[in-house]
Amino acid sequence: MKDKRFWRLEYSITLIALFGFAMLFVPLSLQSTMQAKFITRWKDCFNRVSYMKDAISKQEKADILKSFKRAKNDEEREALLINIIKPYFRLNEEKFPKHYHPKYMNQKRVKHNDFYYFDEIYYTDSKLIVGIKDVDDVTPPMFMMMFDINGKLPPNTWGKDIYGVKIYENKVEAFGQSESLEDMRKDCSPEGTGISCSYYYKIGGNFVD
């Protein structure tokens, strides 16, 4: 009888231990699965941007990407950008509400004067958030785009569900492409901004849970 009670106690302890391990690892597994889905959707967005750029370049009026540089003001440039992008991402006419506050991977908030802050953000028909930034400068890129794969749902964080591209006259680059592999790896970590994850994941870099 004593042995039977001891066996039951030992069995119960084993079950509790297994349950504890499951609670530790299941959330990580779910997070990894979700992150993998985000990365897959990000790669799809990048491919769509590349297709958009190629399609525009093959048109007779291939200077459409240059035309907004000759626009008289920011509003006119923005209207031209929207006309370029809208057919490929089905942007809604209304801008996304201003209460959207993205973060860097190190949990610092993206400030209004940061280079990677996007003031013009839109919803797509598929609930993707797309940001557009006109780089009205004499140096490339011509404009940039960001994609929040998860829409307004959290984490709203660069390198987790937010990624971006730079659009040049003759190419499209994911953010971080000009960085070394080691710098990308450092930036694409809880201590970094997560900006370089856009290119790092595109070339098969491993994400950090």
N, C-alpha and C. Protein backbone atom coordinates (compact mmCIF):
# COMPACT_ATOMS: atom_id res chain seq x y z
N MET A 1 0.83 -1.21 0.00
CA MET A 1 0.00 0.00 0.00
C MET A 1 0.86 1.25 0.00
N LYS A 2 1.94 1.18 0.82
CA LYS A 2 2.86 2.30 0.89
C LYS A 2 3.53 2.53 -0.46
N ASP A 3 3.93 1.42 -1.12
CA ASP A 3 4.57 1.54 -2.43
C ASP A 3 3.62 2.16 -3.45
N LYS A 4 2.35 1.82 -3.33
CA LYS A 4 1.36 2.34 -4.27
C LYS A 4 1.19 3.85 -4.09
N ARG A 5 1.15 4.30 -2.82
CA ARG A 5 1.03 5.74 -2.56
C ARG A 5 2.28 6.47 -3.06
N PHE A 6 3.43 5.86 -2.84
CA PHE A 6 4.68 6.47 -3.30
C PHE A 6 4.71 6.57 -4.82
N TRP A 7 4.19 5.53 -5.49
CA TRP A 7 4.15 5.52 -6.96
C TRP A 7 3.25 6.63 -7.47
N ARG A 8 2.07 6.83 -6.79
CA ARG A 8 1.15 7.89 -7.19
C ARG A 8 1.77 9.28 -7.00
N LEU A 9 2.50 9.45 -5.90
CA LEU A 9 3.15 10.73 -5.63
C LEU A 9 4.21 11.02 -6.69
N GLU A 10 4.99 9.99 -6.97
CA GLU A 10 6.03 10.14 -7.98
C GLU A 10 5.43 10.45 -9.35
N TYR A 11 4.33 9.78 -9.67
CA TYR A 11 3.63 9.99 -10.94
C TYR A 11 3.10 11.41 -11.04
N SER A 12 2.52 11.90 -9.92
CA SER A 12 1.96 13.26 -9.89
C SER A 12 3.05 14.30 -10.07
N ILE A 13 4.19 14.09 -9.40
CA ILE A 13 5.32 15.03 -9.53
C ILE A 13 5.83 15.07 -10.96
N THR A 14 5.88 13.89 -11.58
CA THR A 14 6.34 13.83 -12.97
C THR A 14 5.40 14.59 -13.89
N LEU A 15 4.08 14.43 -13.69
CA LEU A 15 3.09 15.15 -14.51
C LEU A 15 3.21 16.65 -14.32
N ILE A 16 3.38 17.07 -13.08
CA ILE A 16 3.50 18.50 -12.79
C ILE A 16 4.75 19.08 -13.47
N ALA A 17 5.85 18.31 -13.39
CA ALA A 17 7.09 18.75 -14.03
C ALA A 17 6.93 18.88 -15.54
N LEU A 18 6.28 17.88 -16.14
CA LEU A 18 6.05 17.92 -17.59
C LEU A 18 5.16 19.09 -17.98
N PHE A 19 4.14 19.32 -17.17
CA PHE A 19 3.24 20.45 -17.44
C PHE A 19 4.00 21.78 -17.35
N GLY A 20 4.89 21.88 -16.35
CA GLY A 20 5.69 23.10 -16.20
C GLY A 20 6.58 23.34 -17.40
N PHE A 21 7.22 22.30 -17.89
CA PHE A 21 8.07 22.42 -19.08
C PHE A 21 7.24 22.83 -20.30
N ALA A 22 6.05 22.26 -20.40
CA ALA A 22 5.17 22.59 -21.54
C ALA A 22 4.79 24.07 -21.51
N MET A 23 4.50 24.60 -20.32
CA MET A 23 4.13 26.01 -20.21
C MET A 23 5.29 26.93 -20.57
N LEU A 24 6.52 26.44 -20.36
CA LEU A 24 7.69 27.24 -20.71
C LEU A 24 7.94 27.28 -22.20
N PHE A 25 7.76 26.13 -22.86
CA PHE A 25 8.15 26.03 -24.25
C PHE A 25 7.04 26.27 -25.26
N VAL A 26 5.79 26.03 -24.88
CA VAL A 26 4.69 26.24 -25.83
C VAL A 26 4.59 27.69 -26.29
N PRO A 27 4.65 28.69 -25.37
CA PRO A 27 4.58 30.07 -25.83
C PRO A 27 5.70 30.42 -26.81
N LEU A 28 6.92 29.91 -26.55
CA LEU A 28 8.03 30.17 -27.45
C LEU A 28 7.77 29.55 -28.81
N SER A 29 7.18 28.36 -28.81
CA SER A 29 6.87 27.69 -30.07
C SER A 29 5.84 28.47 -30.86
N LEU A 30 4.80 28.97 -30.16
CA LEU A 30 3.77 29.77 -30.83
C LEU A 30 4.34 31.06 -31.36
N GLN A 31 5.23 31.69 -30.58
CA GLN A 31 5.85 32.93 -31.01
C GLN A 31 6.71 32.70 -32.24
N SER A 32 7.46 31.59 -32.26
CA SER A 32 8.30 31.27 -33.40
C SER A 32 7.46 31.03 -34.65
N THR A 33 6.34 30.34 -34.47
CA THR A 33 5.44 30.07 -35.61
C THR A 33 4.86 31.36 -36.16
N MET A 34 4.43 32.26 -35.26
CA MET A 34 3.89 33.54 -35.69
C MET A 34 4.94 34.38 -36.40
N GLN A 35 6.17 34.40 -35.84
CA GLN A 35 7.25 35.17 -36.47
C GLN A 35 7.56 34.63 -37.86
N ALA A 36 7.54 33.32 -38.01
CA ALA A 36 7.80 32.72 -39.32
C ALA A 36 6.74 33.14 -40.33
N LYS A 37 5.48 33.25 -39.88
CA LYS A 37 4.41 33.69 -40.76
C LYS A 37 4.60 35.15 -41.16
N PHE A 38 5.02 35.98 -40.19
CA PHE A 38 5.28 37.39 -40.49
C PHE A 38 6.37 37.53 -41.55
N ILE A 39 7.44 36.74 -41.40
CA ILE A 39 8.56 36.81 -42.34
C ILE A 39 8.12 36.37 -43.74
N THR A 40 7.30 35.33 -43.80
CA THR A 40 6.80 34.87 -45.09
C THR A 40 5.96 35.95 -45.78
N ARG A 41 5.11 36.62 -45.00
CA ARG A 41 4.27 37.68 -45.55
C ARG A 41 5.11 38.89 -45.95
N TRP A 42 6.17 39.17 -45.19
CA TRP A 42 7.07 40.27 -45.53
C TRP A 42 7.76 39.99 -46.87
N LYS A 43 8.22 38.78 -47.07
CA LYS A 43 8.87 38.43 -48.34
C LYS A 43 7.90 38.59 -49.51
N ASP A 44 6.64 38.27 -49.26
CA ASP A 44 5.61 38.45 -50.29
C ASP A 44 5.44 39.95 -50.61
N CYS A 45 5.45 40.79 -49.59
CA CYS A 45 5.35 42.24 -49.81
C CYS A 45 6.54 42.75 -50.62
N PHE A 46 7.72 42.27 -50.28
CA PHE A 46 8.92 42.70 -51.01
C PHE A 46 8.82 42.30 -52.49
N ASN A 47 8.36 41.10 -52.74
CA ASN A 47 8.20 40.64 -54.12
C ASN A 47 7.18 41.49 -54.87
N ARG A 48 6.13 41.91 -54.19
CA ARG A 48 5.12 42.76 -54.83
C ARG A 48 5.68 44.13 -55.17
N VAL A 49 6.52 44.67 -54.27
CA VAL A 49 7.16 45.96 -54.55
C VAL A 49 8.10 45.83 -55.74
N SER A 50 8.85 44.76 -55.78
CA SER A 50 9.76 44.53 -56.91
C SER A 50 9.00 44.40 -58.22
N TYR A 51 7.88 43.69 -58.17
CA TYR A 51 7.03 43.56 -59.35
C TYR A 51 6.49 44.91 -59.77
N MET A 52 6.06 45.71 -58.79
CA MET A 52 5.54 47.05 -59.08
C MET A 52 6.59 47.89 -59.78
N LYS A 53 7.81 47.87 -59.26
CA LYS A 53 8.91 48.65 -59.85
C LYS A 53 9.20 48.17 -61.26
N ASP A 54 9.25 46.86 -61.49
CA ASP A 54 9.52 46.32 -62.82
C ASP A 54 8.41 46.68 -63.80
N ALA A 55 7.17 46.59 -63.35
CA ALA A 55 6.03 46.90 -64.21
C ALA A 55 6.04 48.36 -64.63
N ILE A 56 6.34 49.24 -63.69
CA ILE A 56 6.38 50.67 -63.99
C ILE A 56 7.53 50.98 -64.96
N SER A 57 8.66 50.34 -64.75
CA SER A 57 9.83 50.59 -65.60
C SER A 57 9.60 50.16 -67.04
N LYS A 58 8.71 49.19 -67.25
CA LYS A 58 8.44 48.70 -68.60
C LYS A 58 7.39 49.52 -69.34
N GLN A 59 6.75 50.44 -68.64
CA GLN A 59 5.75 51.28 -69.30
C GLN A 59 6.44 52.28 -70.22
N GLU A 60 5.68 52.78 -71.17
CA GLU A 60 6.24 53.75 -72.10
C GLU A 60 6.71 55.00 -71.38
N LYS A 61 5.92 55.43 -70.38
CA LYS A 61 6.28 56.62 -69.61
C LYS A 61 6.99 56.15 -68.34
N ALA A 62 8.21 55.68 -68.53
CA ALA A 62 8.95 55.11 -67.41
C ALA A 62 9.43 56.15 -66.41
N ASP A 63 9.26 57.42 -66.71
CA ASP A 63 9.71 58.46 -65.79
C ASP A 63 8.65 58.77 -64.73
N ILE A 64 7.66 57.89 -64.59
CA ILE A 64 6.61 58.13 -63.60
C ILE A 64 7.18 58.23 -62.19
N LEU A 65 8.26 57.47 -61.91
CA LEU A 65 8.88 57.53 -60.59
C LEU A 65 9.65 58.83 -60.37
N LYS A 66 9.97 59.53 -61.45
CA LYS A 66 10.71 60.78 -61.33
C LYS A 66 9.78 61.99 -61.28
N SER A 67 8.57 61.81 -61.76
CA SER A 67 7.66 62.94 -61.91
C SER A 67 7.35 63.64 -60.60
N PHE A 68 7.27 62.87 -59.49
CA PHE A 68 6.92 63.51 -58.24
C PHE A 68 8.04 64.39 -57.70
N LYS A 69 9.28 64.19 -58.21
CA LYS A 69 10.38 65.06 -57.82
C LYS A 69 10.18 66.48 -58.36
N ARG A 70 9.38 66.59 -59.41
CA ARG A 70 9.10 67.90 -60.00
C ARG A 70 7.81 68.49 -59.47
N ALA A 71 7.19 67.81 -58.52
CA ALA A 71 5.93 68.30 -57.94
C ALA A 71 6.17 69.61 -57.19
N LYS A 72 5.13 70.42 -57.11
CA LYS A 72 5.25 71.75 -56.52
C LYS A 72 5.27 71.73 -54.99
N ASN A 73 4.65 70.73 -54.39
CA ASN A 73 4.58 70.69 -52.94
C ASN A 73 4.45 69.25 -52.45
N ASP A 74 4.47 69.07 -51.13
CA ASP A 74 4.40 67.74 -50.52
C ASP A 74 3.09 67.02 -50.86
N GLU A 75 2.00 67.77 -50.88
CA GLU A 75 0.69 67.18 -51.17
C GLU A 75 0.65 66.60 -52.58
N GLU A 76 1.24 67.31 -53.51
CA GLU A 76 1.26 66.83 -54.90
C GLU A 76 2.13 65.59 -55.03
N ARG A 77 3.28 65.58 -54.35
CA ARG A 77 4.16 64.41 -54.38
C ARG A 77 3.46 63.20 -53.77
N GLU A 78 2.77 63.44 -52.66
CA GLU A 78 2.07 62.34 -52.00
C GLU A 78 0.99 61.75 -52.90
N ALA A 79 0.25 62.62 -53.59
CA ALA A 79 -0.80 62.15 -54.50
C ALA A 79 -0.21 61.30 -55.62
N LEU A 80 0.94 61.70 -56.13
CA LEU A 80 1.60 60.94 -57.19
C LEU A 80 2.07 59.58 -56.67
N LEU A 81 2.62 59.56 -55.46
CA LEU A 81 3.07 58.30 -54.88
C LEU A 81 1.91 57.33 -54.68
N ILE A 82 0.80 57.87 -54.18
CA ILE A 82 -0.37 57.03 -53.96
C ILE A 82 -0.85 56.43 -55.28
N ASN A 83 -0.85 57.21 -56.34
CA ASN A 83 -1.27 56.73 -57.65
C ASN A 83 -0.36 55.62 -58.15
N ILE A 84 0.92 55.70 -57.81
CA ILE A 84 1.87 54.66 -58.22
C ILE A 84 1.61 53.36 -57.47
N ILE A 85 1.41 53.47 -56.17
CA ILE A 85 1.35 52.31 -55.30
C ILE A 85 -0.02 51.66 -55.21
N LYS A 86 -1.06 52.46 -55.27
CA LYS A 86 -2.42 51.99 -54.98
C LYS A 86 -2.84 50.76 -55.78
N PRO A 87 -2.59 50.69 -57.09
CA PRO A 87 -3.05 49.50 -57.83
C PRO A 87 -2.41 48.19 -57.38
N TYR A 88 -1.22 48.28 -56.79
CA TYR A 88 -0.48 47.08 -56.43
C TYR A 88 -0.75 46.62 -54.99
N PHE A 89 -1.20 47.54 -54.14
CA PHE A 89 -1.45 47.18 -52.74
C PHE A 89 -2.87 47.52 -52.28
N ARG A 90 -3.70 48.05 -53.16
CA ARG A 90 -5.10 48.35 -52.87
C ARG A 90 -5.24 49.19 -51.60
N LEU A 91 -4.57 50.32 -51.61
CA LEU A 91 -4.64 51.22 -50.47
C LEU A 91 -6.03 51.82 -50.35
N ASN A 92 -6.50 51.96 -49.12
CA ASN A 92 -7.74 52.68 -48.88
C ASN A 92 -7.47 54.17 -48.97
N GLU A 93 -8.48 54.94 -49.32
CA GLU A 93 -8.32 56.38 -49.50
C GLU A 93 -8.00 57.09 -48.18
N GLU A 94 -8.63 56.63 -47.10
CA GLU A 94 -8.44 57.30 -45.83
C GLU A 94 -7.12 56.90 -45.18
N LYS A 95 -6.43 57.90 -44.63
CA LYS A 95 -5.19 57.63 -43.92
C LYS A 95 -5.49 56.91 -42.61
N PHE A 96 -4.50 56.14 -42.15
CA PHE A 96 -4.66 55.42 -40.90
C PHE A 96 -4.63 56.42 -39.74
N PRO A 97 -5.43 56.19 -38.70
CA PRO A 97 -5.46 57.12 -37.55
C PRO A 97 -4.08 57.34 -36.93
N LYS A 98 -3.89 58.50 -36.35
CA LYS A 98 -2.60 58.90 -35.81
C LYS A 98 -2.21 58.18 -34.52
N HIS A 99 -3.09 57.37 -33.95
CA HIS A 99 -2.76 56.70 -32.69
C HIS A 99 -1.88 55.47 -32.88
N TYR A 100 -1.43 55.24 -34.09
CA TYR A 100 -0.54 54.11 -34.37
C TYR A 100 0.89 54.49 -33.95
N HIS A 101 1.49 53.72 -33.01
CA HIS A 101 2.79 54.08 -32.46
C HIS A 101 3.76 52.88 -32.55
N PRO A 102 4.51 52.76 -33.62
CA PRO A 102 5.45 51.65 -33.76
C PRO A 102 6.66 51.80 -32.83
N LYS A 103 7.32 50.66 -32.58
CA LYS A 103 8.51 50.63 -31.72
C LYS A 103 9.65 49.97 -32.48
N TYR A 104 10.86 50.21 -31.98
CA TYR A 104 12.03 49.48 -32.45
C TYR A 104 12.09 48.16 -31.69
N MET A 105 12.96 47.27 -32.13
CA MET A 105 13.07 45.97 -31.48
C MET A 105 13.57 46.08 -30.04
N ASN A 106 14.34 47.13 -29.75
CA ASN A 106 14.83 47.34 -28.38
C ASN A 106 13.78 48.01 -27.49
N GLN A 107 12.53 48.09 -27.99
CA GLN A 107 11.37 48.60 -27.27
C GLN A 107 11.32 50.13 -27.17
N LYS A 108 12.27 50.82 -27.78
CA LYS A 108 12.21 52.28 -27.82
C LYS A 108 11.19 52.71 -28.87
N ARG A 109 10.46 53.76 -28.58
CA ARG A 109 9.43 54.23 -29.49
C ARG A 109 10.05 54.98 -30.67
N VAL A 110 9.49 54.78 -31.86
CA VAL A 110 9.96 55.50 -33.05
C VAL A 110 9.49 56.95 -32.93
N LYS A 111 10.44 57.88 -32.88
CA LYS A 111 10.12 59.29 -32.69
C LYS A 111 9.80 59.97 -34.01
N HIS A 112 9.06 61.05 -33.90
CA HIS A 112 8.57 61.76 -35.08
C HIS A 112 9.70 62.23 -35.99
N ASN A 113 10.84 62.59 -35.42
CA ASN A 113 11.94 63.10 -36.24
C ASN A 113 12.93 62.02 -36.66
N ASP A 114 12.65 60.76 -36.36
CA ASP A 114 13.52 59.66 -36.78
C ASP A 114 13.41 59.45 -38.29
N PHE A 115 14.52 59.00 -38.89
CA PHE A 115 14.53 58.75 -40.33
C PHE A 115 13.52 57.68 -40.71
N TYR A 116 13.29 56.73 -39.84
CA TYR A 116 12.38 55.62 -40.14
C TYR A 116 10.98 55.83 -39.56
N TYR A 117 10.65 57.08 -39.28
CA TYR A 117 9.28 57.41 -38.90
C TYR A 117 8.48 57.69 -40.16
N PHE A 118 7.31 57.06 -40.26
CA PHE A 118 6.44 57.24 -41.43
C PHE A 118 5.17 57.97 -41.00
N ASP A 119 5.02 59.17 -41.51
CA ASP A 119 3.86 59.99 -41.14
C ASP A 119 2.63 59.62 -41.97
N GLU A 120 2.87 59.20 -43.21
CA GLU A 120 1.76 58.86 -44.11
C GLU A 120 1.55 57.35 -44.10
N ILE A 121 0.53 56.89 -43.39
CA ILE A 121 0.25 55.46 -43.31
C ILE A 121 -1.19 55.17 -43.72
N TYR A 122 -1.37 54.05 -44.38
CA TYR A 122 -2.67 53.68 -44.94
C TYR A 122 -2.97 52.22 -44.64
N TYR A 123 -4.26 51.91 -44.61
CA TYR A 123 -4.73 50.53 -44.55
C TYR A 123 -4.88 50.01 -45.98
N THR A 124 -4.66 48.73 -46.16
CA THR A 124 -4.99 48.10 -47.43
C THR A 124 -6.27 47.29 -47.24
N ASP A 125 -6.82 46.80 -48.34
CA ASP A 125 -8.03 45.99 -48.26
C ASP A 125 -7.82 44.72 -47.44
N SER A 126 -6.55 44.27 -47.36
CA SER A 126 -6.24 43.05 -46.60
C SER A 126 -5.79 43.37 -45.17
N LYS A 127 -6.04 44.62 -44.71
CA LYS A 127 -5.72 45.06 -43.35
C LYS A 127 -4.23 45.18 -43.08
N LEU A 128 -3.44 45.20 -44.13
CA LEU A 128 -2.02 45.49 -44.00
C LEU A 128 -1.87 46.99 -43.82
N ILE A 129 -0.91 47.43 -42.99
CA ILE A 129 -0.62 48.85 -42.87
C ILE A 129 0.58 49.16 -43.76
N VAL A 130 0.43 50.15 -44.62
CA VAL A 130 1.51 50.56 -45.52
C VAL A 130 1.86 52.01 -45.24
N GLY A 131 3.14 52.26 -45.01
CA GLY A 131 3.63 53.61 -44.82
C GLY A 131 4.40 54.06 -46.04
N ILE A 132 4.28 55.33 -46.37
CA ILE A 132 4.97 55.90 -47.54
C ILE A 132 5.72 57.14 -47.09
N LYS A 133 6.97 57.22 -47.46
CA LYS A 133 7.78 58.39 -47.10
C LYS A 133 8.52 58.90 -48.32
N ASP A 134 8.24 60.13 -48.68
CA ASP A 134 8.91 60.78 -49.79
C ASP A 134 10.25 61.32 -49.30
N VAL A 135 11.32 60.88 -49.92
CA VAL A 135 12.64 61.38 -49.57
C VAL A 135 12.96 62.51 -50.54
N ASP A 136 12.41 63.70 -50.27
CA ASP A 136 12.57 64.83 -51.20
C ASP A 136 13.95 65.45 -51.00
N ASP A 137 14.90 64.72 -51.51
CA ASP A 137 16.30 65.04 -51.34
C ASP A 137 16.99 64.86 -52.68
N VAL A 138 18.16 65.41 -52.84
CA VAL A 138 18.90 65.26 -54.10
C VAL A 138 19.57 63.90 -54.17
N THR A 139 19.63 63.18 -53.04
CA THR A 139 20.26 61.87 -53.02
C THR A 139 19.19 60.78 -52.98
N PRO A 140 19.49 59.59 -53.51
CA PRO A 140 18.54 58.48 -53.43
C PRO A 140 18.42 58.00 -52.00
N PRO A 141 17.41 57.20 -51.62
CA PRO A 141 16.34 56.68 -52.47
C PRO A 141 15.30 57.75 -52.80
N MET A 142 14.47 57.44 -53.80
CA MET A 142 13.43 58.38 -54.18
C MET A 142 12.30 58.40 -53.17
N PHE A 143 11.89 57.22 -52.69
CA PHE A 143 10.93 57.15 -51.60
C PHE A 143 11.06 55.80 -50.90
N MET A 144 10.45 55.68 -49.74
CA MET A 144 10.54 54.47 -48.95
C MET A 144 9.15 53.99 -48.59
N MET A 145 9.04 52.71 -48.30
CA MET A 145 7.77 52.12 -47.89
C MET A 145 8.00 51.22 -46.67
N MET A 146 7.04 51.22 -45.76
CA MET A 146 7.07 50.29 -44.64
C MET A 146 5.79 49.46 -44.64
N PHE A 147 5.88 48.26 -44.10
CA PHE A 147 4.74 47.34 -44.06
C PHE A 147 4.60 46.76 -42.67
N ASP A 148 3.45 47.01 -42.05
CA ASP A 148 3.14 46.33 -40.79
C ASP A 148 2.29 45.13 -41.16
N ILE A 149 2.93 43.99 -41.15
CA ILE A 149 2.32 42.75 -41.61
C ILE A 149 1.08 42.38 -40.79
N ASN A 150 1.10 42.75 -39.53
CA ASN A 150 0.03 42.38 -38.60
C ASN A 150 -1.03 43.47 -38.45
N GLY A 151 -0.97 44.48 -39.31
CA GLY A 151 -1.93 45.57 -39.21
C GLY A 151 -1.79 46.32 -37.89
N LYS A 152 -2.90 46.75 -37.32
CA LYS A 152 -2.86 47.52 -36.08
C LYS A 152 -2.68 46.64 -34.84
N LEU A 153 -2.72 45.33 -35.02
CA LEU A 153 -2.51 44.43 -33.89
C LEU A 153 -1.05 44.46 -33.46
N PRO A 154 -0.76 44.19 -32.17
CA PRO A 154 0.62 44.17 -31.70
C PRO A 154 1.39 43.02 -32.34
N PRO A 155 2.73 43.09 -32.37
CA PRO A 155 3.56 43.97 -31.54
C PRO A 155 3.87 45.34 -32.15
N ASN A 156 3.56 45.60 -33.43
CA ASN A 156 3.87 46.89 -34.06
C ASN A 156 5.33 47.27 -33.84
N THR A 157 6.21 46.34 -34.14
CA THR A 157 7.64 46.49 -33.84
C THR A 157 8.50 46.18 -35.06
N TRP A 158 9.46 47.06 -35.32
CA TRP A 158 10.40 46.81 -36.41
C TRP A 158 11.15 45.51 -36.16
N GLY A 159 11.22 44.68 -37.19
CA GLY A 159 11.92 43.41 -37.07
C GLY A 159 11.05 42.27 -36.59
N LYS A 160 9.84 42.59 -36.13
CA LYS A 160 8.89 41.55 -35.73
C LYS A 160 7.74 41.50 -36.72
N ASP A 161 6.94 42.58 -36.78
CA ASP A 161 5.88 42.61 -37.79
C ASP A 161 5.97 43.84 -38.69
N ILE A 162 7.04 44.63 -38.56
CA ILE A 162 7.24 45.80 -39.43
C ILE A 162 8.55 45.66 -40.20
N TYR A 163 8.46 45.90 -41.52
CA TYR A 163 9.62 45.82 -42.41
C TYR A 163 9.54 46.93 -43.44
N GLY A 164 10.65 47.17 -44.16
CA GLY A 164 10.61 48.28 -45.09
C GLY A 164 11.55 48.14 -46.28
N VAL A 165 11.29 48.99 -47.29
CA VAL A 165 12.09 48.99 -48.52
C VAL A 165 12.41 50.42 -48.93
N LYS A 166 13.50 50.55 -49.68
CA LYS A 166 13.87 51.81 -50.31
C LYS A 166 13.69 51.64 -51.82
N ILE A 167 13.02 52.61 -52.44
CA ILE A 167 12.76 52.56 -53.87
C ILE A 167 13.70 53.53 -54.58
N TYR A 168 14.56 52.99 -55.44
CA TYR A 168 15.46 53.81 -56.23
C TYR A 168 14.95 53.88 -57.67
N GLU A 169 15.60 54.66 -58.49
CA GLU A 169 15.18 54.76 -59.89
C GLU A 169 15.34 53.43 -60.61
N ASN A 170 16.33 52.65 -60.21
CA ASN A 170 16.62 51.42 -60.95
C ASN A 170 16.61 50.15 -60.10
N LYS A 171 16.20 50.25 -58.83
CA LYS A 171 16.22 49.05 -57.99
C LYS A 171 15.36 49.24 -56.74
N VAL A 172 15.14 48.13 -56.06
CA VAL A 172 14.42 48.11 -54.79
C VAL A 172 15.32 47.41 -53.77
N GLU A 173 15.50 48.02 -52.61
CA GLU A 173 16.34 47.43 -51.58
C GLU A 173 15.59 47.31 -50.27
N ALA A 174 15.74 46.18 -49.60
CA ALA A 174 15.18 46.04 -48.25
C ALA A 174 16.06 46.81 -47.27
N PHE A 175 15.47 47.37 -46.24
CA PHE A 175 16.25 48.09 -45.24
C PHE A 175 17.33 47.18 -44.67
N GLY A 176 18.53 47.71 -44.56
CA GLY A 176 19.64 46.95 -44.01
C GLY A 176 20.54 46.31 -45.05
N GLN A 177 20.18 46.43 -46.31
CA GLN A 177 20.94 45.75 -47.37
C GLN A 177 22.37 46.27 -47.49
N SER A 178 22.61 47.50 -47.13
CA SER A 178 23.95 48.07 -47.24
C SER A 178 24.83 47.73 -46.03
N GLU A 179 24.25 47.08 -45.02
CA GLU A 179 25.00 46.76 -43.81
C GLU A 179 25.76 45.44 -43.96
N SER A 180 26.80 45.27 -43.15
CA SER A 180 27.52 44.00 -43.13
C SER A 180 26.66 42.96 -42.43
N LEU A 181 26.98 41.71 -42.65
CA LEU A 181 26.20 40.63 -42.04
C LEU A 181 26.25 40.72 -40.52
N GLU A 182 27.41 41.04 -39.97
CA GLU A 182 27.54 41.14 -38.52
C GLU A 182 26.72 42.30 -37.97
N ASP A 183 26.73 43.44 -38.66
CA ASP A 183 25.94 44.59 -38.22
C ASP A 183 24.45 44.29 -38.30
N MET A 184 24.06 43.57 -39.35
CA MET A 184 22.65 43.19 -39.48
C MET A 184 22.24 42.29 -38.33
N ARG A 185 23.10 41.33 -38.01
CA ARG A 185 22.79 40.38 -36.94
C ARG A 185 22.64 41.11 -35.60
N LYS A 186 23.50 42.09 -35.35
CA LYS A 186 23.42 42.85 -34.10
C LYS A 186 22.17 43.71 -34.05
N ASP A 187 21.85 44.34 -35.20
CA ASP A 187 20.68 45.21 -35.22
C ASP A 187 19.39 44.42 -35.14
N CYS A 188 19.42 43.22 -35.68
CA CYS A 188 18.23 42.36 -35.68
C CYS A 188 18.23 41.50 -34.41
N SER A 189 18.24 42.17 -33.26
CA SER A 189 18.27 41.51 -31.97
C SER A 189 17.55 42.40 -30.97
N PRO A 190 17.23 41.88 -29.78
CA PRO A 190 16.53 42.70 -28.78
C PRO A 190 17.30 43.96 -28.36
N GLU A 191 18.60 44.02 -28.65
CA GLU A 191 19.38 45.20 -28.32
C GLU A 191 19.44 46.20 -29.46
N GLY A 192 18.98 45.80 -30.65
CA GLY A 192 19.06 46.67 -31.83
C GLY A 192 17.72 47.30 -32.18
N THR A 193 17.70 47.99 -33.32
CA THR A 193 16.47 48.66 -33.74
C THR A 193 15.51 47.71 -34.46
N GLY A 194 16.06 46.67 -35.10
CA GLY A 194 15.22 45.77 -35.89
C GLY A 194 15.04 46.23 -37.33
N ILE A 195 15.58 47.40 -37.68
CA ILE A 195 15.44 47.92 -39.04
C ILE A 195 16.09 46.97 -40.05
N SER A 196 17.30 46.49 -39.72
CA SER A 196 18.05 45.64 -40.65
C SER A 196 17.45 44.26 -40.83
N CYS A 197 16.47 43.90 -39.98
CA CYS A 197 15.82 42.59 -40.12
C CYS A 197 15.16 42.46 -41.50
N SER A 198 14.77 43.57 -42.09
CA SER A 198 14.10 43.52 -43.39
C SER A 198 14.94 42.78 -44.41
N TYR A 199 16.23 43.07 -44.45
CA TYR A 199 17.10 42.37 -45.40
C TYR A 199 17.65 41.08 -44.80
N TYR A 200 17.93 41.11 -43.50
CA TYR A 200 18.51 39.95 -42.82
C TYR A 200 17.62 38.72 -42.95
N TYR A 201 16.31 38.90 -42.74
CA TYR A 201 15.38 37.78 -42.88
C TYR A 201 15.20 37.39 -44.35
N LYS A 202 15.29 38.37 -45.21
CA LYS A 202 15.11 38.10 -46.64
C LYS A 202 16.18 37.15 -47.17
N ILE A 203 17.39 37.25 -46.61
CA ILE A 203 18.48 36.37 -47.06
C ILE A 203 18.60 35.11 -46.20
N GLY A 204 17.62 34.89 -45.33
CA GLY A 204 17.59 33.65 -44.56
C GLY A 204 18.15 33.73 -43.17
N GLY A 205 18.37 34.93 -42.65
CA GLY A 205 18.89 35.07 -41.29
C GLY A 205 17.89 34.53 -40.27
N ASN A 206 18.41 34.00 -39.18
CA ASN A 206 17.56 33.43 -38.13
C ASN A 206 17.03 34.54 -37.23
N PHE A 207 15.75 34.46 -36.84
CA PHE A 207 15.19 35.44 -35.95
C PHE A 207 15.44 35.05 -34.50
N VAL A 208 15.45 36.07 -33.65
CA VAL A 208 15.69 35.85 -32.22
C VAL A 208 14.36 35.89 -31.49
N ASP A 209 14.05 34.86 -30.71
CA ASP A 209 12.79 34.82 -29.95
C ASP A 209 12.86 35.81 -28.80
